[in-house]
Amino acid sequence: MPVPTCRGETVSSPTPFEPDQTDLAILNVLQDDLPLVSRPWNKIAEQLGITETDILGRMQRLEEAGIIRGISPVLDSCHLGLHAATLVALRVPEERVNEIASIISSYPEVSHNFKRDHEYSLWFTIAAQNGEEIQRVLHEILDRTGISASDALDLPTVKKIKIDVRFSFLPAQSGEVPHGSD
């Protein structure tokens, strides 16, 4: 049976899965930097007191349950030459949200695109080398969608304050889990 996800997608209902304490410890550790060693999963497994096979199996179950979407680096856009960013909000008629969101998401300069229950219903971020490039992309999006500039909020980044997201899945502790804990 299809169910909506927190990202607004509809997916087939996954097999019911309730993460245990070891799974939660794995999720906590996966939010940290991956060790740059030849066998990072083995190193993380050792830290948690489980085997490499166990951690890989648990990660696969977490992925199948839709809890882990992927494992990827967090990049610093400035070090890649993207020195400008903006948050844009658009006032979009409900019947055009999917169409316009699809156009916005087709741009490589757009990293996030969210529908909100708000007068300005689509919010997205643009990153580029400079402000002129951001304005070029934004104006192209407005032209392609037919959205008026008066229906757009352009909120350029003035200062990065926090760009990291961490969720705490276990009470404050050492992060270790008793061997084989479920």
N, C-alpha and C. Protein backbone atom coordinates (compact mmCIF):
# COMPACT_ATOMS: atom_id res chain seq x y z
N MET A 1 0.84 -1.18 0.00
CA MET A 1 0.00 0.00 0.00
C MET A 1 0.89 1.24 0.00
N PRO A 2 0.67 2.19 -0.91
CA PRO A 2 1.50 3.40 -0.96
C PRO A 2 1.28 4.27 0.29
N VAL A 3 2.39 4.83 0.77
CA VAL A 3 2.32 5.73 1.92
C VAL A 3 3.16 6.96 1.62
N PRO A 4 2.75 8.14 2.13
CA PRO A 4 3.57 9.34 1.92
C PRO A 4 4.77 9.32 2.86
N THR A 5 5.90 9.81 2.37
CA THR A 5 7.09 9.93 3.20
C THR A 5 7.16 11.34 3.74
N CYS A 6 8.09 11.57 4.66
CA CYS A 6 8.26 12.92 5.19
C CYS A 6 8.79 13.86 4.13
N ARG A 7 9.27 13.33 3.01
CA ARG A 7 9.75 14.18 1.91
C ARG A 7 8.66 14.43 0.89
N GLY A 8 7.41 13.96 1.16
CA GLY A 8 6.30 14.23 0.28
C GLY A 8 6.19 13.27 -0.89
N GLU A 9 7.06 12.26 -0.94
CA GLU A 9 6.98 11.27 -1.99
C GLU A 9 5.99 10.19 -1.58
N THR A 10 5.53 9.41 -2.55
CA THR A 10 4.70 8.26 -2.23
C THR A 10 5.51 7.02 -2.58
N VAL A 11 5.64 6.12 -1.63
CA VAL A 11 6.41 4.90 -1.84
C VAL A 11 5.60 3.72 -1.36
N SER A 12 5.99 2.53 -1.80
CA SER A 12 5.35 1.33 -1.30
C SER A 12 5.64 1.20 0.17
N SER A 13 4.69 0.73 0.91
CA SER A 13 4.86 0.58 2.35
C SER A 13 5.95 -0.45 2.63
N PRO A 14 7.03 -0.02 3.30
CA PRO A 14 8.09 -0.98 3.61
C PRO A 14 7.65 -1.97 4.68
N THR A 15 8.39 -3.06 4.76
CA THR A 15 8.13 -4.03 5.82
C THR A 15 8.30 -3.32 7.15
N PRO A 16 7.36 -3.51 8.08
CA PRO A 16 7.51 -2.84 9.38
C PRO A 16 8.87 -3.17 9.99
N PHE A 17 9.54 -2.14 10.48
CA PHE A 17 10.88 -2.32 11.03
C PHE A 17 11.07 -1.31 12.14
N GLU A 18 11.43 -1.80 13.29
CA GLU A 18 11.70 -0.94 14.45
C GLU A 18 13.17 -1.08 14.80
N PRO A 19 13.97 -0.02 14.60
CA PRO A 19 15.40 -0.12 14.92
C PRO A 19 15.62 -0.40 16.40
N ASP A 20 16.57 -1.31 16.68
CA ASP A 20 16.92 -1.58 18.08
C ASP A 20 18.07 -0.65 18.50
N GLN A 21 18.57 -0.83 19.71
CA GLN A 21 19.61 0.04 20.25
C GLN A 21 20.90 -0.01 19.41
N THR A 22 21.23 -1.17 18.87
CA THR A 22 22.43 -1.28 18.03
C THR A 22 22.23 -0.50 16.74
N ASP A 23 21.04 -0.62 16.14
CA ASP A 23 20.75 0.16 14.93
C ASP A 23 20.85 1.65 15.21
N LEU A 24 20.31 2.09 16.34
CA LEU A 24 20.36 3.51 16.69
C LEU A 24 21.80 3.97 16.91
N ALA A 25 22.62 3.11 17.51
CA ALA A 25 24.04 3.45 17.70
C ALA A 25 24.74 3.56 16.35
N ILE A 26 24.39 2.68 15.42
CA ILE A 26 24.96 2.75 14.07
C ILE A 26 24.57 4.08 13.41
N LEU A 27 23.30 4.45 13.53
CA LEU A 27 22.84 5.72 12.95
C LEU A 27 23.57 6.91 13.55
N ASN A 28 23.81 6.87 14.85
CA ASN A 28 24.57 7.95 15.50
C ASN A 28 25.97 8.05 14.90
N VAL A 29 26.65 6.91 14.80
CA VAL A 29 28.03 6.90 14.32
C VAL A 29 28.12 7.29 12.85
N LEU A 30 27.12 6.90 12.04
CA LEU A 30 27.16 7.21 10.61
C LEU A 30 27.05 8.71 10.33
N GLN A 31 26.63 9.48 11.32
CA GLN A 31 26.55 10.93 11.14
C GLN A 31 27.91 11.59 11.31
N ASP A 32 28.89 10.85 11.81
CA ASP A 32 30.25 11.36 11.96
C ASP A 32 31.02 11.10 10.68
N ASP A 33 32.24 11.59 10.63
CA ASP A 33 33.09 11.35 9.48
C ASP A 33 33.40 9.87 9.36
N LEU A 34 33.41 9.37 8.13
CA LEU A 34 33.82 7.99 7.89
C LEU A 34 35.33 7.91 8.07
N PRO A 35 35.80 6.89 8.76
CA PRO A 35 37.26 6.76 8.89
C PRO A 35 37.89 6.49 7.51
N LEU A 36 38.95 7.21 7.20
CA LEU A 36 39.62 7.03 5.92
C LEU A 36 40.65 5.91 6.04
N VAL A 37 40.13 4.70 6.12
CA VAL A 37 40.94 3.48 6.20
C VAL A 37 40.42 2.53 5.14
N SER A 38 41.16 1.47 4.88
CA SER A 38 40.76 0.55 3.81
C SER A 38 39.44 -0.17 4.10
N ARG A 39 39.11 -0.35 5.37
CA ARG A 39 37.86 -1.02 5.73
C ARG A 39 37.12 -0.18 6.78
N PRO A 40 36.47 0.91 6.34
CA PRO A 40 35.80 1.81 7.29
C PRO A 40 34.68 1.13 8.08
N TRP A 41 33.96 0.20 7.45
CA TRP A 41 32.84 -0.46 8.16
C TRP A 41 33.37 -1.34 9.28
N ASN A 42 34.53 -1.95 9.06
CA ASN A 42 35.14 -2.77 10.10
C ASN A 42 35.55 -1.88 11.28
N LYS A 43 36.14 -0.74 10.99
CA LYS A 43 36.57 0.19 12.03
C LYS A 43 35.37 0.68 12.86
N ILE A 44 34.26 1.03 12.19
CA ILE A 44 33.06 1.48 12.89
C ILE A 44 32.47 0.33 13.70
N ALA A 45 32.45 -0.88 13.12
CA ALA A 45 31.92 -2.05 13.83
C ALA A 45 32.71 -2.30 15.10
N GLU A 46 34.03 -2.21 15.01
CA GLU A 46 34.87 -2.40 16.20
C GLU A 46 34.51 -1.37 17.28
N GLN A 47 34.30 -0.13 16.86
CA GLN A 47 33.94 0.93 17.80
C GLN A 47 32.63 0.60 18.52
N LEU A 48 31.72 -0.08 17.84
CA LEU A 48 30.41 -0.41 18.41
C LEU A 48 30.38 -1.79 19.07
N GLY A 49 31.46 -2.55 18.93
CA GLY A 49 31.50 -3.88 19.54
C GLY A 49 30.70 -4.92 18.77
N ILE A 50 30.59 -4.74 17.46
CA ILE A 50 29.90 -5.72 16.61
C ILE A 50 30.83 -6.08 15.46
N THR A 51 30.41 -7.00 14.62
CA THR A 51 31.25 -7.40 13.49
C THR A 51 30.96 -6.55 12.26
N GLU A 52 31.90 -6.59 11.32
CA GLU A 52 31.71 -5.88 10.05
C GLU A 52 30.51 -6.45 9.31
N THR A 53 30.35 -7.75 9.33
CA THR A 53 29.20 -8.39 8.67
C THR A 53 27.90 -7.91 9.30
N ASP A 54 27.88 -7.79 10.62
CA ASP A 54 26.68 -7.34 11.32
C ASP A 54 26.34 -5.90 10.94
N ILE A 55 27.34 -5.02 10.94
CA ILE A 55 27.03 -3.63 10.61
C ILE A 55 26.53 -3.50 9.17
N LEU A 56 27.15 -4.23 8.25
CA LEU A 56 26.71 -4.16 6.85
C LEU A 56 25.29 -4.70 6.69
N GLY A 57 24.97 -5.78 7.38
CA GLY A 57 23.61 -6.33 7.32
C GLY A 57 22.59 -5.38 7.91
N ARG A 58 22.94 -4.77 9.03
CA ARG A 58 22.04 -3.82 9.68
C ARG A 58 21.85 -2.58 8.81
N MET A 59 22.92 -2.09 8.19
CA MET A 59 22.80 -0.93 7.32
C MET A 59 21.90 -1.24 6.12
N GLN A 60 22.01 -2.45 5.60
CA GLN A 60 21.15 -2.84 4.48
C GLN A 60 19.68 -2.86 4.92
N ARG A 61 19.40 -3.39 6.11
CA ARG A 61 18.02 -3.39 6.61
C ARG A 61 17.52 -1.97 6.84
N LEU A 62 18.37 -1.10 7.36
CA LEU A 62 18.00 0.30 7.57
C LEU A 62 17.72 0.99 6.24
N GLU A 63 18.48 0.63 5.22
CA GLU A 63 18.23 1.20 3.89
C GLU A 63 16.92 0.66 3.31
N GLU A 64 16.70 -0.63 3.41
CA GLU A 64 15.47 -1.23 2.91
C GLU A 64 14.24 -0.66 3.61
N ALA A 65 14.39 -0.29 4.89
CA ALA A 65 13.28 0.28 5.65
C ALA A 65 13.09 1.77 5.33
N GLY A 66 13.99 2.34 4.52
CA GLY A 66 13.88 3.75 4.15
C GLY A 66 14.45 4.70 5.18
N ILE A 67 15.15 4.16 6.17
CA ILE A 67 15.73 5.01 7.22
C ILE A 67 17.03 5.62 6.73
N ILE A 68 17.87 4.84 6.06
CA ILE A 68 19.09 5.35 5.43
C ILE A 68 18.78 5.53 3.95
N ARG A 69 18.95 6.75 3.46
CA ARG A 69 18.71 7.03 2.03
C ARG A 69 20.00 6.92 1.24
N GLY A 70 21.10 7.09 1.89
CA GLY A 70 22.38 7.04 1.21
C GLY A 70 23.47 7.51 2.15
N ILE A 71 24.69 7.30 1.74
CA ILE A 71 25.84 7.76 2.51
C ILE A 71 26.68 8.57 1.54
N SER A 72 26.88 9.84 1.87
CA SER A 72 27.60 10.71 0.96
C SER A 72 28.36 11.78 1.75
N PRO A 73 29.35 12.40 1.09
CA PRO A 73 30.12 13.43 1.79
C PRO A 73 29.32 14.71 1.97
N VAL A 74 29.69 15.49 2.94
CA VAL A 74 29.17 16.84 3.11
C VAL A 74 30.25 17.75 2.53
N LEU A 75 29.90 18.45 1.48
CA LEU A 75 30.86 19.26 0.76
C LEU A 75 30.78 20.72 1.21
N ASP A 76 31.91 21.37 1.26
CA ASP A 76 31.96 22.80 1.55
C ASP A 76 31.94 23.53 0.22
N SER A 77 30.80 24.13 -0.09
CA SER A 77 30.61 24.74 -1.41
C SER A 77 31.63 25.84 -1.69
N CYS A 78 32.05 26.58 -0.69
CA CYS A 78 33.04 27.66 -0.91
C CYS A 78 34.35 27.10 -1.44
N HIS A 79 34.77 25.95 -0.92
CA HIS A 79 36.03 25.35 -1.37
C HIS A 79 35.91 24.82 -2.80
N LEU A 80 34.68 24.71 -3.29
CA LEU A 80 34.46 24.26 -4.67
C LEU A 80 34.16 25.42 -5.60
N GLY A 81 34.36 26.65 -5.11
CA GLY A 81 34.17 27.83 -5.95
C GLY A 81 32.76 28.39 -5.94
N LEU A 82 31.87 27.85 -5.11
CA LEU A 82 30.50 28.37 -5.02
C LEU A 82 30.43 29.32 -3.83
N HIS A 83 30.66 30.59 -4.08
CA HIS A 83 30.80 31.59 -3.02
C HIS A 83 29.51 32.34 -2.72
N ALA A 84 28.45 32.04 -3.44
CA ALA A 84 27.19 32.75 -3.22
C ALA A 84 26.06 31.72 -3.11
N ALA A 85 25.08 32.05 -2.28
CA ALA A 85 23.91 31.17 -2.12
C ALA A 85 22.71 32.02 -1.74
N THR A 86 21.54 31.51 -2.06
CA THR A 86 20.32 32.20 -1.68
C THR A 86 19.22 31.18 -1.40
N LEU A 87 18.31 31.58 -0.55
CA LEU A 87 17.08 30.83 -0.29
C LEU A 87 15.98 31.57 -1.02
N VAL A 88 15.21 30.85 -1.83
CA VAL A 88 14.14 31.47 -2.61
C VAL A 88 12.81 30.85 -2.19
N ALA A 89 11.82 31.70 -2.05
CA ALA A 89 10.45 31.25 -1.78
C ALA A 89 9.56 31.77 -2.90
N LEU A 90 8.72 30.89 -3.44
CA LEU A 90 7.81 31.28 -4.52
C LEU A 90 6.36 31.09 -4.10
N ARG A 91 5.54 32.03 -4.48
CA ARG A 91 4.09 31.91 -4.34
C ARG A 91 3.62 31.16 -5.58
N VAL A 92 3.16 29.91 -5.38
CA VAL A 92 2.81 29.04 -6.50
C VAL A 92 1.38 28.53 -6.32
N PRO A 93 0.55 28.62 -7.36
CA PRO A 93 -0.79 28.04 -7.25
C PRO A 93 -0.70 26.53 -7.00
N GLU A 94 -1.51 26.03 -6.10
CA GLU A 94 -1.47 24.62 -5.69
C GLU A 94 -1.46 23.67 -6.89
N GLU A 95 -2.26 23.97 -7.90
CA GLU A 95 -2.35 23.07 -9.06
C GLU A 95 -1.09 23.05 -9.91
N ARG A 96 -0.14 23.97 -9.66
CA ARG A 96 1.10 24.01 -10.44
C ARG A 96 2.34 23.63 -9.62
N VAL A 97 2.15 23.27 -8.36
CA VAL A 97 3.30 23.00 -7.48
C VAL A 97 4.19 21.91 -8.06
N ASN A 98 3.65 20.77 -8.45
CA ASN A 98 4.49 19.67 -8.95
C ASN A 98 5.22 20.05 -10.24
N GLU A 99 4.52 20.71 -11.14
CA GLU A 99 5.11 21.15 -12.41
C GLU A 99 6.28 22.09 -12.15
N ILE A 100 6.06 23.09 -11.33
CA ILE A 100 7.10 24.09 -11.07
C ILE A 100 8.24 23.49 -10.24
N ALA A 101 7.92 22.65 -9.27
CA ALA A 101 8.97 22.00 -8.48
C ALA A 101 9.88 21.16 -9.38
N SER A 102 9.30 20.53 -10.38
CA SER A 102 10.08 19.72 -11.31
C SER A 102 11.05 20.59 -12.11
N ILE A 103 10.58 21.74 -12.56
CA ILE A 103 11.45 22.66 -13.30
C ILE A 103 12.60 23.13 -12.40
N ILE A 104 12.27 23.55 -11.19
CA ILE A 104 13.28 24.04 -10.25
C ILE A 104 14.32 22.95 -9.97
N SER A 105 13.85 21.74 -9.72
CA SER A 105 14.75 20.63 -9.38
C SER A 105 15.65 20.22 -10.53
N SER A 106 15.34 20.64 -11.74
CA SER A 106 16.17 20.26 -12.90
C SER A 106 17.48 21.06 -12.95
N TYR A 107 17.61 22.09 -12.14
CA TYR A 107 18.80 22.93 -12.15
C TYR A 107 19.88 22.36 -11.22
N PRO A 108 21.09 22.13 -11.72
CA PRO A 108 22.15 21.61 -10.86
C PRO A 108 22.54 22.59 -9.75
N GLU A 109 22.25 23.86 -9.92
CA GLU A 109 22.56 24.86 -8.90
C GLU A 109 21.61 24.79 -7.71
N VAL A 110 20.50 24.07 -7.86
CA VAL A 110 19.50 23.94 -6.79
C VAL A 110 19.82 22.70 -5.97
N SER A 111 20.01 22.89 -4.65
CA SER A 111 20.34 21.75 -3.80
C SER A 111 19.16 21.26 -2.97
N HIS A 112 18.23 22.11 -2.64
CA HIS A 112 17.07 21.73 -1.83
C HIS A 112 15.84 22.36 -2.46
N ASN A 113 14.72 21.65 -2.38
CA ASN A 113 13.47 22.16 -2.94
C ASN A 113 12.34 21.57 -2.11
N PHE A 114 11.62 22.41 -1.35
CA PHE A 114 10.60 21.96 -0.43
C PHE A 114 9.27 22.63 -0.69
N LYS A 115 8.21 21.86 -0.55
CA LYS A 115 6.86 22.42 -0.54
C LYS A 115 6.51 22.72 0.92
N ARG A 116 5.96 23.90 1.15
CA ARG A 116 5.57 24.32 2.49
C ARG A 116 4.09 24.67 2.50
N ASP A 117 3.47 24.50 3.66
CA ASP A 117 2.10 24.92 3.85
C ASP A 117 2.14 26.39 4.24
N HIS A 118 2.25 27.25 3.23
CA HIS A 118 2.49 28.66 3.45
C HIS A 118 2.06 29.41 2.19
N GLU A 119 1.84 30.68 2.32
CA GLU A 119 1.52 31.52 1.16
C GLU A 119 2.59 31.34 0.08
N TYR A 120 3.86 31.31 0.50
CA TYR A 120 4.96 30.99 -0.40
C TYR A 120 5.18 29.49 -0.26
N SER A 121 4.68 28.74 -1.24
CA SER A 121 4.59 27.29 -1.06
C SER A 121 5.83 26.51 -1.50
N LEU A 122 6.68 27.06 -2.34
CA LEU A 122 7.91 26.36 -2.73
C LEU A 122 9.12 27.15 -2.25
N TRP A 123 10.02 26.47 -1.56
CA TRP A 123 11.25 27.06 -1.04
C TRP A 123 12.42 26.24 -1.56
N PHE A 124 13.43 26.91 -2.10
CA PHE A 124 14.59 26.18 -2.62
C PHE A 124 15.85 27.01 -2.46
N THR A 125 16.99 26.35 -2.55
CA THR A 125 18.27 27.04 -2.43
C THR A 125 19.02 26.97 -3.76
N ILE A 126 19.72 28.03 -4.05
CA ILE A 126 20.58 28.11 -5.24
C ILE A 126 21.98 28.45 -4.75
N ALA A 127 22.99 27.75 -5.27
CA ALA A 127 24.39 28.06 -4.98
C ALA A 127 25.11 28.26 -6.32
N ALA A 128 25.98 29.26 -6.37
CA ALA A 128 26.71 29.55 -7.61
C ALA A 128 28.01 30.27 -7.26
N GLN A 129 28.80 30.55 -8.31
CA GLN A 129 30.09 31.21 -8.10
C GLN A 129 29.94 32.62 -7.55
N ASN A 130 28.85 33.29 -7.95
CA ASN A 130 28.67 34.68 -7.52
C ASN A 130 27.20 35.06 -7.59
N GLY A 131 26.89 36.23 -7.09
CA GLY A 131 25.52 36.70 -7.07
C GLY A 131 24.91 36.88 -8.44
N GLU A 132 25.72 37.28 -9.42
CA GLU A 132 25.21 37.45 -10.78
C GLU A 132 24.74 36.12 -11.35
N GLU A 133 25.48 35.06 -11.09
CA GLU A 133 25.09 33.73 -11.58
C GLU A 133 23.81 33.26 -10.89
N ILE A 134 23.68 33.54 -9.60
CA ILE A 134 22.44 33.19 -8.89
C ILE A 134 21.27 33.92 -9.52
N GLN A 135 21.43 35.21 -9.80
CA GLN A 135 20.34 35.98 -10.39
C GLN A 135 19.99 35.46 -11.78
N ARG A 136 20.99 35.04 -12.54
CA ARG A 136 20.72 34.47 -13.87
C ARG A 136 19.85 33.23 -13.75
N VAL A 137 20.22 32.32 -12.82
CA VAL A 137 19.47 31.08 -12.63
C VAL A 137 18.06 31.40 -12.13
N LEU A 138 17.95 32.26 -11.14
CA LEU A 138 16.64 32.61 -10.59
C LEU A 138 15.74 33.21 -11.67
N HIS A 139 16.26 34.14 -12.45
CA HIS A 139 15.45 34.78 -13.50
C HIS A 139 15.05 33.76 -14.57
N GLU A 140 15.94 32.83 -14.87
CA GLU A 140 15.59 31.78 -15.84
C GLU A 140 14.47 30.90 -15.30
N ILE A 141 14.54 30.56 -14.03
CA ILE A 141 13.47 29.76 -13.40
C ILE A 141 12.15 30.53 -13.46
N LEU A 142 12.19 31.80 -13.10
CA LEU A 142 10.96 32.62 -13.14
C LEU A 142 10.41 32.71 -14.56
N ASP A 143 11.29 32.90 -15.54
CA ASP A 143 10.83 32.96 -16.94
C ASP A 143 10.21 31.64 -17.38
N ARG A 144 10.88 30.52 -17.06
CA ARG A 144 10.37 29.21 -17.49
C ARG A 144 9.05 28.85 -16.83
N THR A 145 8.86 29.29 -15.60
CA THR A 145 7.64 28.93 -14.86
C THR A 145 6.52 29.95 -15.03
N GLY A 146 6.86 31.14 -15.49
CA GLY A 146 5.86 32.19 -15.59
C GLY A 146 5.50 32.82 -14.26
N ILE A 147 6.31 32.55 -13.24
CA ILE A 147 6.08 33.16 -11.92
C ILE A 147 6.67 34.56 -11.94
N SER A 148 5.91 35.52 -11.46
CA SER A 148 6.35 36.92 -11.42
C SER A 148 7.39 37.12 -10.32
N ALA A 149 8.32 38.03 -10.55
CA ALA A 149 9.32 38.37 -9.54
C ALA A 149 8.64 38.88 -8.26
N SER A 150 7.45 39.47 -8.40
CA SER A 150 6.74 39.95 -7.20
C SER A 150 6.18 38.79 -6.37
N ASP A 151 6.18 37.58 -6.93
CA ASP A 151 5.74 36.39 -6.20
C ASP A 151 6.93 35.56 -5.72
N ALA A 152 8.10 36.19 -5.66
CA ALA A 152 9.32 35.50 -5.23
C ALA A 152 10.00 36.28 -4.12
N LEU A 153 10.47 35.55 -3.12
CA LEU A 153 11.34 36.12 -2.10
C LEU A 153 12.74 35.59 -2.37
N ASP A 154 13.70 36.47 -2.49
CA ASP A 154 15.10 36.10 -2.72
C ASP A 154 15.86 36.51 -1.48
N LEU A 155 16.32 35.52 -0.71
CA LEU A 155 16.94 35.77 0.59
C LEU A 155 18.39 35.30 0.57
N PRO A 156 19.31 36.14 0.06
CA PRO A 156 20.72 35.73 -0.07
C PRO A 156 21.36 35.41 1.27
N THR A 157 22.27 34.46 1.25
CA THR A 157 23.05 34.12 2.44
C THR A 157 23.96 35.29 2.77
N VAL A 158 23.92 35.71 4.02
CA VAL A 158 24.79 36.78 4.50
C VAL A 158 25.95 36.17 5.27
N LYS A 159 25.65 35.12 6.05
CA LYS A 159 26.67 34.45 6.85
C LYS A 159 26.20 33.03 7.12
N LYS A 160 27.08 32.05 6.90
CA LYS A 160 26.76 30.67 7.25
C LYS A 160 26.93 30.53 8.76
N ILE A 161 25.90 30.04 9.40
CA ILE A 161 25.96 29.88 10.85
C ILE A 161 26.05 28.40 11.22
N LYS A 162 25.27 27.57 10.55
CA LYS A 162 25.31 26.13 10.79
C LYS A 162 24.91 25.43 9.51
N ILE A 163 25.73 24.50 9.07
CA ILE A 163 25.39 23.75 7.86
C ILE A 163 25.37 22.25 8.10
N ASP A 164 25.43 21.86 9.35
CA ASP A 164 25.49 20.44 9.68
C ASP A 164 24.21 20.04 10.41
N VAL A 165 23.73 18.86 10.12
CA VAL A 165 22.54 18.34 10.80
C VAL A 165 22.93 17.04 11.49
N ARG A 166 22.68 16.96 12.76
CA ARG A 166 22.94 15.75 13.54
C ARG A 166 21.69 15.44 14.36
N PHE A 167 21.29 14.19 14.35
CA PHE A 167 20.17 13.74 15.17
C PHE A 167 20.72 12.84 16.26
N SER A 168 20.20 12.97 17.45
CA SER A 168 20.63 12.13 18.55
C SER A 168 19.61 11.00 18.71
N PHE A 169 20.06 9.77 18.50
CA PHE A 169 19.16 8.62 18.57
C PHE A 169 19.25 7.88 19.89
N LEU A 170 20.31 8.15 20.65
CA LEU A 170 20.50 7.49 21.94
C LEU A 170 20.73 8.56 23.00
N PRO A 171 20.41 8.25 24.25
CA PRO A 171 20.73 9.21 25.31
C PRO A 171 22.23 9.48 25.34
N ALA A 172 22.63 10.61 25.86
CA ALA A 172 24.05 10.96 25.93
C ALA A 172 24.80 9.84 26.63
N GLN A 173 25.74 9.27 25.91
CA GLN A 173 26.57 8.18 26.45
C GLN A 173 27.77 8.01 25.56
N SER A 174 28.54 6.98 25.79
CA SER A 174 29.78 6.79 25.07
C SER A 174 29.55 6.39 23.61
N GLY A 175 28.34 5.98 23.26
CA GLY A 175 28.09 5.53 21.89
C GLY A 175 28.31 4.05 21.73
N GLU A 176 28.88 3.40 22.76
CA GLU A 176 29.12 1.97 22.67
C GLU A 176 27.84 1.21 22.99
N VAL A 177 27.72 0.07 22.37
CA VAL A 177 26.57 -0.80 22.58
C VAL A 177 27.11 -2.15 23.01
N PRO A 178 26.49 -2.76 24.02
CA PRO A 178 26.96 -4.09 24.41
C PRO A 178 26.95 -5.01 23.21
N HIS A 179 27.96 -5.86 23.10
CA HIS A 179 28.10 -6.77 21.97
C HIS A 179 26.81 -7.55 21.75
N GLY A 180 26.30 -7.46 20.51
CA GLY A 180 25.11 -8.22 20.14
C GLY A 180 23.83 -7.68 20.73
N SER A 181 23.85 -6.48 21.26
CA SER A 181 22.64 -5.90 21.86
C SER A 181 21.56 -5.72 20.83
N ASP A 182 20.34 -5.99 21.23
CA ASP A 182 19.19 -5.79 20.34
C ASP A 182 18.19 -4.89 20.97
